[in-house]
Amino acid sequence: MIHIAHWIGGAERAGESGRVGPVFNPATGEQIAQVDLASAAEVAVAVASAKAAAKAWREASLSKRSAVLFKFRELLAARTGELAAIITREHGKVLADAAGEVARGLENVEFATGVPHLMKGGFSEQAATGVDVYSIRQPLGVVAGITPFNFPAMVPLWMCATAIASGNAFVLKPSEKDPSAANWLAALWAEAGLPEGVFTVVHGDKEAVDALLTHPDVAAVSFVGSTPIAKYIYETGTAHGKRVQALGGAKNHMIVLPDAELDAAADAAISAGYGAAGERCMAISVVVAVGEIADPLVEAIAARLPKIRIGDGTDPNSEMGPLINAQHRDRVAGYIAAGADAGAKVVADGRDISDRPGFFLGATLLDNVTPEMTVYTDEIFGPVLSVVRVDTYAEAVQLVNDNEYGNGTAIFTRDGGAARQFQFEVNAGMVGVNVPIPVPVAYYSFGGWKASLFGDTHMYGPDGIHFFTRSKVVTSRWPDPGTSSVDLGFPQTR
């Protein structure tokens, strides 16, 4: 049985709480490891180590920081396969998908290597006679990331790359369901030359999360997870004086207009709906079929489903792996049953394979779904694609805008005017035009609207630099000796 410890002060450190959690191989259903679950006291030790390291790291030159980021980038690129295998073993997604996750995380590291440019401020000469004004950006100190099970490498890299490049010490609390990727990243940071304590990993559950949210030396918390937890993270963290960005759940709609290229739309719906077994916050979970395209679109999707190869993620022939654990598999299966009971037509039923070893559920397609059904209202986070039929483009947009979530959305059409109008009026943070999963490239920023984001700052990219730093404005004068005088009036720039 593998034992997964914390990473504190530049080395693995066994837990002292006496509490551990199980880690499974989702493809077999077997427990393969146990992970330490930190107590509040252990979190305090980790934060103290990070605080001690933060002072020296802040004083490191931008060139030094950039050099460490470049080295980390080279190591990560060279060893992508090694990290992908760890992700597949504990999460279940297929190796190609795991490698894609690492690649998207790598993009954020590459962005962060440009920290000398990203940290530049502004300068105004002669703002008043003999007075110059300039702005600088400075790190916050100790910052924390609380990350989900579905992207055990990519989401931590979204956070830690910009946080560390900006001069902070970063404490990661990864999901306890697939924790090994976090320790692997910690060892890679050490190999890249990052000083001890600048990257820390504490494994745990709610006790560890609450300890980070309330610790006075943690200046900011970045979170990705479900909406109820995101709201809790935001409210608790801000109540304790912290800067918080908390990304929540999603119900991403893909609108297909009658003029859309049918095969392209069907392929996109399957790719975005069933990739990673639907365990993506940017997965398409609702296809909104407008008008006459509904019947042929459902038929085209249904015809493709038997061809999806479902199996162990380590098998190169597999295209879709299992869900993360038995409880989640059963929860998703319950939604399928509820949809059928509410009147949805079960075109394809993924429960047909749920009796095989491991935590598998097949690709499910539900037609004639209505907004009142739980398969529509709730974030299912599994391989379940719902089709909602509407008559007009206006109805489709209203459906998206009325939904409580606003993470991502997409439209498939050949009409440039309709696409432009859609991006103008739809209430979502990320929009795809004939692109089903519009995750922004690293030099933009990731984030949703409405119940998909708590806080006003999106993640990584320029917003990431903004979140992990604060601005300071300096007003300076270097007067000649003997030229000063007392003036009790409010300073003026004239």
Protein backbone atom coordinates (compact mmCIF):
# COMPACT_ATOMS: atom_id res chain seq x y z
CA MET A 1 0.00 0.00 0.00
CA ILE A 2 1.51 3.32 -1.10
CA HIS A 3 1.57 6.00 1.58
CA ILE A 4 1.24 9.60 0.38
CA ALA A 5 2.65 12.17 2.78
CA HIS A 6 2.67 15.97 2.84
CA TRP A 7 5.43 18.09 1.24
CA ILE A 8 6.69 20.70 3.69
CA GLY A 9 9.99 22.54 3.77
CA GLY A 10 11.25 20.96 0.58
CA ALA A 11 10.72 17.30 1.53
CA GLU A 12 8.00 14.73 2.17
CA ARG A 13 6.73 14.79 5.73
CA ALA A 14 4.56 12.07 7.21
CA GLY A 15 1.30 13.15 8.79
CA GLU A 16 0.87 13.30 12.54
CA SER A 17 -2.92 13.51 12.81
CA GLY A 18 -3.40 9.75 12.57
CA ARG A 19 -6.08 10.26 9.93
CA VAL A 20 -5.74 8.91 6.39
CA GLY A 21 -7.95 8.69 3.33
CA PRO A 22 -8.17 5.96 0.67
CA VAL A 23 -6.98 6.43 -2.91
CA PHE A 24 -8.44 4.15 -5.56
CA ASN A 25 -7.63 3.06 -9.07
CA PRO A 26 -10.99 3.89 -10.68
CA ALA A 27 -10.46 1.43 -13.51
CA THR A 28 -10.27 -1.55 -11.16
CA GLY A 29 -12.03 -0.28 -8.06
CA GLU A 30 -9.07 -1.32 -5.91
CA GLN A 31 -7.51 0.83 -3.22
CA ILE A 32 -3.93 1.55 -4.25
CA ALA A 33 -2.80 4.09 -1.65
CA GLN A 34 -3.65 6.01 1.46
CA VAL A 35 -3.05 9.70 1.94
CA ASP A 36 -2.41 11.62 5.13
CA LEU A 37 -5.13 14.06 6.17
CA ALA A 38 -3.69 17.10 7.89
CA SER A 39 -4.91 18.54 11.17
CA ALA A 40 -5.16 22.27 11.75
CA ALA A 41 -1.88 22.09 13.67
CA GLU A 42 -0.12 20.48 10.71
CA VAL A 43 -1.49 23.16 8.38
CA ALA A 44 -0.05 25.76 10.75
CA VAL A 45 3.38 24.13 10.48
CA ALA A 46 3.13 24.16 6.69
CA VAL A 47 2.11 27.83 6.61
CA ALA A 48 4.94 28.74 8.96
CA SER A 49 7.41 27.05 6.64
CA ALA A 50 5.94 28.91 3.66
CA LYS A 51 6.03 32.22 5.51
CA ALA A 52 9.71 31.79 6.31
CA ALA A 53 10.47 31.02 2.66
CA ALA A 54 8.32 33.85 1.27
CA LYS A 55 10.59 36.64 2.53
CA ALA A 56 13.70 35.44 0.72
CA TRP A 57 11.76 34.45 -2.41
CA ARG A 58 10.22 37.90 -2.63
CA GLU A 59 13.73 39.37 -2.54
CA ALA A 60 14.88 37.10 -5.39
CA SER A 61 15.42 39.00 -8.60
CA LEU A 62 12.93 38.73 -11.43
CA SER A 63 15.67 37.10 -13.48
CA LYS A 64 16.17 34.45 -10.81
CA ARG A 65 12.46 33.72 -10.63
CA SER A 66 12.20 33.53 -14.39
CA ALA A 67 15.15 31.13 -14.55
CA VAL A 68 13.46 28.75 -12.10
CA LEU A 69 10.24 28.92 -14.12
CA PHE A 70 12.11 28.16 -17.34
CA LYS A 71 13.84 25.17 -15.75
CA PHE A 72 10.55 23.91 -14.34
CA ARG A 73 8.97 24.29 -17.77
CA GLU A 74 11.71 22.22 -19.43
CA LEU A 75 11.45 19.45 -16.84
CA LEU A 76 7.66 19.34 -17.08
CA ALA A 77 7.72 19.17 -20.88
CA ALA A 78 10.30 16.38 -20.86
CA ARG A 79 8.44 14.29 -18.28
CA THR A 80 4.83 14.83 -19.34
CA GLY A 81 4.31 11.09 -19.82
CA GLU A 82 5.37 10.36 -16.26
CA LEU A 83 2.88 12.83 -14.80
CA ALA A 84 0.13 11.70 -17.18
CA ALA A 85 0.53 8.12 -15.96
CA ILE A 86 0.08 9.26 -12.35
CA ILE A 87 -3.08 11.16 -13.28
CA THR A 88 -4.53 8.17 -15.15
CA ARG A 89 -3.78 5.79 -12.29
CA GLU A 90 -5.63 7.85 -9.68
CA HIS A 91 -8.23 9.78 -11.68
CA GLY A 92 -9.03 7.29 -14.43
CA LYS A 93 -8.96 9.55 -17.50
CA VAL A 94 -7.24 8.06 -20.53
CA LEU A 95 -3.53 8.71 -21.01
CA ALA A 96 -4.02 10.98 -24.03
CA ASP A 97 -6.43 13.14 -22.06
CA ALA A 98 -4.07 13.22 -19.08
CA ALA A 99 -1.22 14.33 -21.35
CA GLY A 100 -3.50 17.04 -22.73
CA GLU A 101 -4.17 18.22 -19.18
CA VAL A 102 -0.45 18.55 -18.54
CA ALA A 103 0.00 20.41 -21.84
CA ARG A 104 -2.62 23.00 -20.89
CA GLY A 105 -0.96 23.43 -17.49
CA LEU A 106 2.38 23.82 -19.24
CA GLU A 107 0.98 26.76 -21.19
CA ASN A 108 0.47 28.61 -17.92
CA VAL A 109 4.02 27.91 -16.82
CA GLU A 110 5.23 29.31 -20.13
CA PHE A 111 3.16 32.45 -19.57
CA ALA A 112 4.61 32.86 -16.08
CA THR A 113 8.19 32.69 -17.38
CA GLY A 114 7.58 36.21 -18.67
CA VAL A 115 7.34 37.56 -15.13
CA PRO A 116 9.88 40.39 -15.68
CA HIS A 117 7.48 41.87 -18.21
CA LEU A 118 4.31 40.93 -16.34
CA MET A 119 5.41 42.67 -13.14
CA LYS A 120 6.19 46.00 -14.79
CA GLY A 121 4.44 49.02 -13.35
CA GLY A 122 3.93 52.51 -14.75
CA PHE A 123 5.87 55.76 -14.42
CA SER A 124 4.74 59.37 -14.81
CA GLU A 125 7.49 61.94 -14.87
CA GLN A 126 6.79 65.48 -13.66
CA ALA A 127 3.30 64.72 -12.34
CA ALA A 128 3.81 67.99 -10.47
CA THR A 129 6.81 70.27 -10.51
CA GLY A 130 9.76 68.12 -9.50
CA VAL A 131 7.45 65.23 -8.57
CA ASP A 132 7.36 61.77 -10.20
CA VAL A 133 4.69 59.13 -9.62
CA TYR A 134 5.07 55.44 -10.34
CA SER A 135 3.33 52.17 -9.57
CA ILE A 136 4.79 48.80 -8.63
CA ARG A 137 3.28 45.37 -8.08
CA GLN A 138 4.32 43.36 -5.03
CA PRO A 139 3.56 39.80 -3.90
CA LEU A 140 1.11 39.06 -1.11
CA GLY A 141 3.26 36.63 0.88
CA VAL A 142 1.74 33.21 1.56
CA VAL A 143 -1.09 32.22 -0.77
CA ALA A 144 -3.05 28.97 -1.00
CA GLY A 145 -4.68 26.89 -3.70
CA ILE A 146 -7.49 24.38 -3.08
CA THR A 147 -7.93 22.24 -6.17
CA PRO A 148 -10.41 19.62 -7.48
CA PHE A 149 -10.00 15.97 -8.37
CA ASN A 150 -10.85 16.30 -12.06
CA PHE A 151 -7.63 18.13 -13.02
CA PRO A 152 -5.02 17.16 -10.41
CA ALA A 153 -2.15 18.74 -12.39
CA MET A 154 -3.61 21.43 -14.64
CA VAL A 155 -5.54 23.42 -12.04
CA PRO A 156 -2.62 23.53 -9.55
CA LEU A 157 -0.44 24.75 -12.42
CA TRP A 158 -3.02 27.42 -13.22
CA MET A 159 -2.48 28.78 -9.74
CA CYS A 160 1.06 28.06 -8.63
CA ALA A 161 2.89 29.21 -11.77
CA THR A 162 1.71 32.83 -11.57
CA ALA A 163 1.72 32.86 -7.76
CA ILE A 164 5.33 31.72 -7.52
CA ALA A 165 6.51 33.85 -10.44
CA SER A 166 4.98 36.88 -8.70
CA GLY A 167 7.14 36.25 -5.63
CA ASN A 168 4.72 34.44 -3.31
CA ALA A 169 5.07 31.19 -1.39
CA PHE A 170 2.32 28.78 -2.46
CA VAL A 171 0.52 26.21 -0.29
CA LEU A 172 -1.45 23.60 -2.25
CA LYS A 173 -4.31 21.57 -0.77
CA PRO A 174 -5.14 19.11 -3.58
CA SER A 175 -8.07 16.74 -3.72
CA GLU A 176 -7.57 13.77 -1.44
CA LYS A 177 -9.09 11.55 -4.15
CA ASP A 178 -6.03 11.77 -6.46
CA PRO A 179 -3.22 13.44 -4.49
CA SER A 180 -0.02 12.02 -6.00
CA ALA A 181 0.27 14.55 -8.83
CA ALA A 182 0.70 17.33 -6.26
CA ASN A 183 3.72 15.68 -4.64
CA TRP A 184 5.18 14.95 -8.07
CA LEU A 185 4.94 18.66 -8.94
CA ALA A 186 6.55 19.57 -5.61
CA ALA A 187 9.54 17.36 -6.34
CA LEU A 188 9.81 18.87 -9.83
CA TRP A 189 9.83 22.39 -8.43
CA ALA A 190 12.65 21.38 -6.10
CA GLU A 191 14.60 19.90 -9.02
CA ALA A 192 14.12 23.16 -10.91
CA GLY A 193 15.83 25.07 -8.11
CA LEU A 194 12.87 26.54 -6.26
CA PRO A 195 13.93 27.24 -2.65
CA GLU A 196 12.55 25.03 0.10
CA GLY A 197 9.19 26.11 1.43
CA VAL A 198 8.12 28.17 -1.59
CA PHE A 199 5.92 25.29 -2.83
CA THR A 200 4.16 23.30 -0.10
CA VAL A 201 1.60 20.50 -0.25
CA VAL A 202 -0.78 19.69 2.60
CA HIS A 203 -3.22 16.88 1.99
CA GLY A 204 -6.50 16.83 3.81
CA ASP A 205 -10.23 17.32 3.98
CA LYS A 206 -12.46 20.03 5.44
CA GLU A 207 -10.27 20.44 8.52
CA ALA A 208 -7.29 21.40 6.38
CA VAL A 209 -9.42 23.67 4.18
CA ASP A 210 -10.84 25.52 7.17
CA ALA A 211 -7.38 25.90 8.66
CA LEU A 212 -6.15 27.60 5.48
CA LEU A 213 -9.23 29.82 5.26
CA THR A 214 -8.81 31.09 8.81
CA HIS A 215 -5.02 31.22 9.18
CA PRO A 216 -3.90 34.84 9.62
CA ASP A 217 -0.72 34.35 7.56
CA VAL A 218 -2.53 33.15 4.42
CA ALA A 219 -3.20 36.27 2.38
CA ALA A 220 -5.19 34.82 -0.52
CA VAL A 221 -7.01 31.63 -1.49
CA SER A 222 -7.69 30.35 -5.00
CA PHE A 223 -10.29 27.60 -5.38
CA VAL A 224 -11.90 25.45 -8.07
CA GLY A 225 -14.77 23.09 -7.25
CA SER A 226 -18.53 22.88 -6.89
CA THR A 227 -20.69 25.96 -6.41
CA PRO A 228 -21.83 25.24 -2.82
CA ILE A 229 -18.23 24.77 -1.70
CA ALA A 230 -17.05 27.76 -3.75
CA LYS A 231 -19.59 29.94 -1.97
CA TYR A 232 -18.44 28.60 1.40
CA ILE A 233 -14.77 29.20 0.51
CA TYR A 234 -15.51 32.75 -0.60
CA GLU A 235 -17.63 33.70 2.39
CA THR A 236 -15.29 32.13 4.95
CA GLY A 237 -12.08 33.41 3.40
CA THR A 238 -13.26 36.98 2.89
CA ALA A 239 -14.73 37.03 6.41
CA HIS A 240 -11.17 36.41 7.60
CA GLY A 241 -9.75 39.25 5.53
CA LYS A 242 -8.42 37.22 2.62
CA ARG A 243 -8.47 37.84 -1.09
CA VAL A 244 -10.48 34.97 -2.60
CA GLN A 245 -11.26 33.71 -6.08
CA ALA A 246 -13.60 30.72 -5.96
CA LEU A 247 -14.61 29.08 -9.20
CA GLY A 248 -17.75 26.99 -8.90
CA GLY A 249 -19.89 24.65 -10.95
CA ALA A 250 -21.28 24.80 -14.45
CA LYS A 251 -24.07 23.77 -16.77
CA ASN A 252 -22.55 24.51 -20.15
CA HIS A 253 -24.94 24.81 -23.08
CA MET A 254 -24.09 24.22 -26.72
CA ILE A 255 -26.59 25.88 -29.03
CA VAL A 256 -26.91 24.29 -32.47
CA LEU A 257 -28.69 26.41 -35.07
CA PRO A 258 -30.45 24.88 -38.09
CA ASP A 259 -27.69 26.02 -40.46
CA ALA A 260 -24.89 24.33 -38.48
CA GLU A 261 -22.71 21.70 -40.11
CA LEU A 262 -24.40 18.59 -38.71
CA ASP A 263 -21.43 16.21 -38.52
CA ALA A 264 -19.20 18.85 -36.95
CA ALA A 265 -21.82 19.65 -34.33
CA ALA A 266 -22.41 15.98 -33.48
CA ASP A 267 -18.68 15.29 -33.21
CA ALA A 268 -18.21 18.34 -31.00
CA ALA A 269 -21.09 17.42 -28.70
CA ILE A 270 -19.64 13.97 -28.12
CA SER A 271 -16.07 15.20 -27.66
CA ALA A 272 -17.09 17.90 -25.20
CA GLY A 273 -19.79 15.90 -23.45
CA TYR A 274 -18.02 12.61 -22.84
CA GLY A 275 -14.33 13.48 -22.67
CA ALA A 276 -12.90 12.57 -19.24
CA ALA A 277 -16.27 10.84 -18.61
CA GLY A 278 -17.87 14.27 -18.36
CA GLU A 279 -15.82 15.19 -15.29
CA ARG A 280 -14.88 18.63 -16.60
CA CYS A 281 -16.21 21.97 -15.44
CA MET A 282 -16.14 23.01 -19.11
CA ALA A 283 -17.90 19.87 -20.38
CA ILE A 284 -20.93 20.39 -22.58
CA SER A 285 -23.83 18.92 -20.62
CA VAL A 286 -26.76 20.48 -22.52
CA VAL A 287 -27.24 20.58 -26.28
CA VAL A 288 -29.86 23.13 -27.26
CA ALA A 289 -31.23 22.03 -30.62
CA VAL A 290 -32.97 24.86 -32.46
CA GLY A 291 -35.80 24.04 -34.83
CA GLU A 292 -35.51 21.45 -37.55
CA ILE A 293 -31.98 20.32 -36.75
CA ALA A 294 -33.11 18.53 -33.55
CA ASP A 295 -34.06 15.14 -35.01
CA PRO A 296 -31.04 14.70 -37.30
CA LEU A 297 -28.70 15.98 -34.57
CA VAL A 298 -29.96 13.49 -31.98
CA GLU A 299 -29.72 10.70 -34.56
CA ALA A 300 -26.16 11.71 -35.47
CA ILE A 301 -25.05 11.77 -31.83
CA ALA A 302 -26.75 8.46 -31.07
CA ALA A 303 -25.11 6.79 -34.06
CA ARG A 304 -21.66 7.71 -32.80
CA LEU A 305 -22.08 6.56 -29.19
CA PRO A 306 -21.57 2.80 -29.74
CA LYS A 307 -18.20 3.58 -31.30
CA ILE A 308 -16.81 5.19 -28.12
CA ARG A 309 -14.27 2.80 -26.64
CA ILE A 310 -14.69 2.73 -22.86
CA GLY A 311 -12.06 1.10 -20.68
CA ASP A 312 -8.97 1.38 -18.51
CA GLY A 313 -7.24 4.68 -19.16
CA THR A 314 -3.89 2.94 -19.50
CA ASP A 315 -5.15 1.06 -22.56
CA PRO A 316 -4.16 3.14 -25.61
CA ASN A 317 -7.35 2.02 -27.34
CA SER A 318 -9.59 3.51 -24.65
CA GLU A 319 -11.26 6.85 -25.37
CA MET A 320 -13.24 7.25 -22.14
CA GLY A 321 -12.33 6.00 -18.70
CA PRO A 322 -14.24 5.49 -15.43
CA LEU A 323 -15.62 7.97 -12.94
CA ILE A 324 -13.59 8.91 -9.87
CA ASN A 325 -15.26 6.58 -7.34
CA ALA A 326 -18.23 4.34 -6.70
CA GLN A 327 -20.23 7.00 -4.86
CA HIS A 328 -19.97 9.42 -7.75
CA ARG A 329 -20.82 6.73 -10.31
CA ASP A 330 -23.96 5.84 -8.37
CA ARG A 331 -24.89 9.51 -8.02
CA VAL A 332 -24.67 10.04 -11.78
CA ALA A 333 -26.68 6.87 -12.40
CA GLY A 334 -29.33 8.26 -10.08
CA TYR A 335 -29.66 11.35 -12.24
CA ILE A 336 -30.23 9.18 -15.31
CA ALA A 337 -33.05 7.37 -13.52
CA ALA A 338 -34.55 10.65 -12.34
CA GLY A 339 -34.48 12.05 -15.88
CA ALA A 340 -36.25 8.99 -17.24
CA ASP A 341 -38.85 9.17 -14.48
CA ALA A 342 -39.46 12.85 -15.26
CA GLY A 343 -40.21 12.13 -18.91
CA ALA A 344 -36.87 12.44 -20.71
CA LYS A 345 -36.30 9.95 -23.50
CA VAL A 346 -33.30 7.73 -22.76
CA VAL A 347 -31.71 7.37 -26.20
CA ALA A 348 -28.58 5.71 -24.80
CA ASP A 349 -28.27 4.39 -21.25
CA GLY A 350 -24.79 4.29 -19.72
CA ARG A 351 -25.98 2.26 -16.78
CA ASP A 352 -25.79 -0.82 -18.99
CA ILE A 353 -22.07 -1.19 -18.19
CA SER A 354 -22.08 -0.14 -14.53
CA ASP A 355 -21.70 -3.75 -13.36
CA ARG A 356 -18.18 -4.20 -14.75
CA PRO A 357 -15.17 -3.93 -12.38
CA GLY A 358 -14.17 -0.38 -11.61
CA PHE A 359 -16.28 2.76 -11.53
CA PHE A 360 -17.55 2.76 -15.11
CA LEU A 361 -20.63 4.36 -16.58
CA GLY A 362 -21.29 4.50 -20.29
CA ALA A 363 -22.15 7.46 -22.49
CA THR A 364 -25.75 8.49 -21.84
CA LEU A 365 -27.97 10.57 -24.13
CA LEU A 366 -31.26 12.02 -22.93
CA ASP A 367 -33.67 13.70 -25.36
CA ASN A 368 -36.70 15.92 -24.70
CA VAL A 369 -35.19 17.26 -21.49
CA THR A 370 -36.97 20.27 -19.99
CA PRO A 371 -35.61 22.99 -17.66
CA GLU A 372 -37.60 21.64 -14.70
CA MET A 373 -35.81 18.27 -14.63
CA THR A 374 -32.91 17.70 -12.22
CA VAL A 375 -30.79 16.42 -15.13
CA TYR A 376 -31.01 19.99 -16.41
CA THR A 377 -30.90 22.03 -13.22
CA ASP A 378 -28.05 20.19 -11.46
CA GLU A 379 -24.40 19.83 -12.36
CA ILE A 380 -24.16 16.06 -12.94
CA PHE A 381 -20.41 15.89 -13.66
CA GLY A 382 -20.62 12.64 -15.59
CA PRO A 383 -21.07 11.24 -19.11
CA VAL A 384 -24.67 12.43 -19.48
CA LEU A 385 -25.66 14.65 -22.41
CA SER A 386 -29.12 16.25 -22.32
CA VAL A 387 -30.89 17.59 -25.41
CA VAL A 388 -33.32 20.47 -24.96
CA ARG A 389 -35.41 21.39 -28.00
CA VAL A 390 -36.46 24.98 -28.73
CA ASP A 391 -38.02 26.66 -31.76
CA THR A 392 -35.93 29.83 -32.09
CA TYR A 393 -32.51 31.34 -31.50
CA ALA A 394 -34.06 33.81 -29.03
CA GLU A 395 -35.44 30.94 -26.92
CA ALA A 396 -32.04 29.25 -26.92
CA VAL A 397 -30.22 32.35 -25.67
CA GLN A 398 -32.88 32.96 -23.04
CA LEU A 399 -32.38 29.39 -21.81
CA VAL A 400 -28.66 30.01 -21.33
CA ASN A 401 -29.14 33.39 -19.70
CA ASP A 402 -31.80 32.14 -17.30
CA ASN A 403 -29.57 29.33 -16.02
CA GLU A 404 -27.94 29.96 -12.64
CA TYR A 405 -24.50 29.04 -13.99
CA GLY A 406 -22.46 31.05 -16.44
CA ASN A 407 -19.17 29.23 -16.88
CA GLY A 408 -18.91 28.44 -20.58
CA THR A 409 -21.19 28.19 -23.59
CA ALA A 410 -20.93 27.58 -27.33
CA ILE A 411 -22.84 28.15 -30.53
CA PHE A 412 -22.61 26.13 -33.73
CA THR A 413 -23.66 27.98 -36.85
CA ARG A 414 -22.48 29.17 -40.26
CA ASP A 415 -24.09 32.57 -39.71
CA GLY A 416 -21.49 35.12 -38.67
CA GLY A 417 -24.13 37.65 -37.66
CA ALA A 418 -25.84 35.19 -35.34
CA ALA A 419 -22.50 34.21 -33.81
CA ARG A 420 -21.54 37.83 -33.20
CA GLN A 421 -24.92 38.60 -31.64
CA PHE A 422 -24.56 35.53 -29.42
CA GLN A 423 -21.19 36.53 -28.03
CA PHE A 424 -22.59 40.02 -27.41
CA GLU A 425 -25.68 39.03 -25.46
CA VAL A 426 -24.98 35.69 -23.78
CA ASN A 427 -24.30 35.77 -20.02
CA ALA A 428 -21.29 33.51 -19.64
CA GLY A 429 -17.62 34.10 -18.97
CA MET A 430 -16.23 31.95 -21.81
CA VAL A 431 -17.83 31.66 -25.23
CA GLY A 432 -17.07 29.30 -28.10
CA VAL A 433 -18.06 29.88 -31.71
CA ASN A 434 -17.96 26.46 -33.37
CA VAL A 435 -15.61 25.55 -30.50
CA PRO A 436 -17.29 23.35 -27.87
CA ILE A 437 -14.84 23.78 -24.97
CA PRO A 438 -13.69 27.42 -25.05
CA VAL A 439 -10.97 27.23 -22.39
CA PRO A 440 -8.88 30.39 -22.96
CA VAL A 441 -5.21 30.20 -23.85
CA ALA A 442 -2.83 31.07 -21.03
CA TYR A 443 -2.33 34.71 -21.96
CA TYR A 444 -6.02 35.37 -21.41
CA SER A 445 -7.81 34.34 -18.20
CA PHE A 446 -10.26 31.60 -17.17
CA GLY A 447 -13.47 32.31 -15.31
CA GLY A 448 -17.24 32.20 -15.44
CA TRP A 449 -20.12 34.42 -14.45
CA LYS A 450 -23.06 34.11 -12.07
CA ALA A 451 -22.90 31.07 -9.75
CA SER A 452 -19.79 29.82 -11.53
CA LEU A 453 -17.51 32.40 -9.90
CA PHE A 454 -17.35 34.02 -6.47
CA GLY A 455 -15.02 37.00 -6.51
CA ASP A 456 -14.22 39.43 -9.28
CA THR A 457 -10.91 38.03 -10.54
CA HIS A 458 -10.56 35.27 -13.11
CA MET A 459 -7.80 32.67 -13.00
CA TYR A 460 -4.31 32.55 -14.56
CA GLY A 461 -3.06 34.87 -17.29
CA PRO A 462 -3.19 38.64 -16.61
CA ASP A 463 -5.89 38.20 -13.96
CA GLY A 464 -3.68 35.65 -12.20
CA ILE A 465 -0.85 38.17 -11.87
CA HIS A 466 -3.35 40.75 -10.62
CA PHE A 467 -4.80 38.35 -8.04
CA PHE A 468 -1.47 37.26 -6.58
CA THR A 469 -0.01 40.77 -6.33
CA ARG A 470 -1.10 44.15 -5.06
CA SER A 471 -0.37 47.57 -6.42
CA LYS A 472 1.63 50.24 -4.64
CA VAL A 473 1.90 53.82 -5.89
CA VAL A 474 4.97 55.89 -5.01
CA THR A 475 5.06 59.69 -5.21
CA SER A 476 8.62 61.03 -5.01
CA ARG A 477 10.41 64.39 -4.94
CA TRP A 478 14.12 65.12 -4.66
CA PRO A 479 14.22 68.83 -3.75
CA ASP A 480 17.35 70.93 -3.67
CA PRO A 481 18.56 71.81 -0.16
CA GLY A 482 16.92 74.86 1.32
CA THR A 483 13.94 74.94 -1.04
CA SER A 484 11.32 73.35 1.24
CA SER A 485 8.59 75.22 3.14
CA VAL A 486 5.62 74.48 5.39
CA ASP A 487 2.32 74.14 3.49
CA LEU A 488 -0.77 72.85 5.33
CA GLY A 489 -2.93 72.83 2.22
CA PHE A 490 -3.94 69.62 0.45
CA PRO A 491 -1.28 68.66 -2.13
CA GLN A 492 -2.07 69.81 -5.65
CA THR A 493 -0.50 68.78 -8.93
CA ARG A 494 -0.70 72.17 -10.62
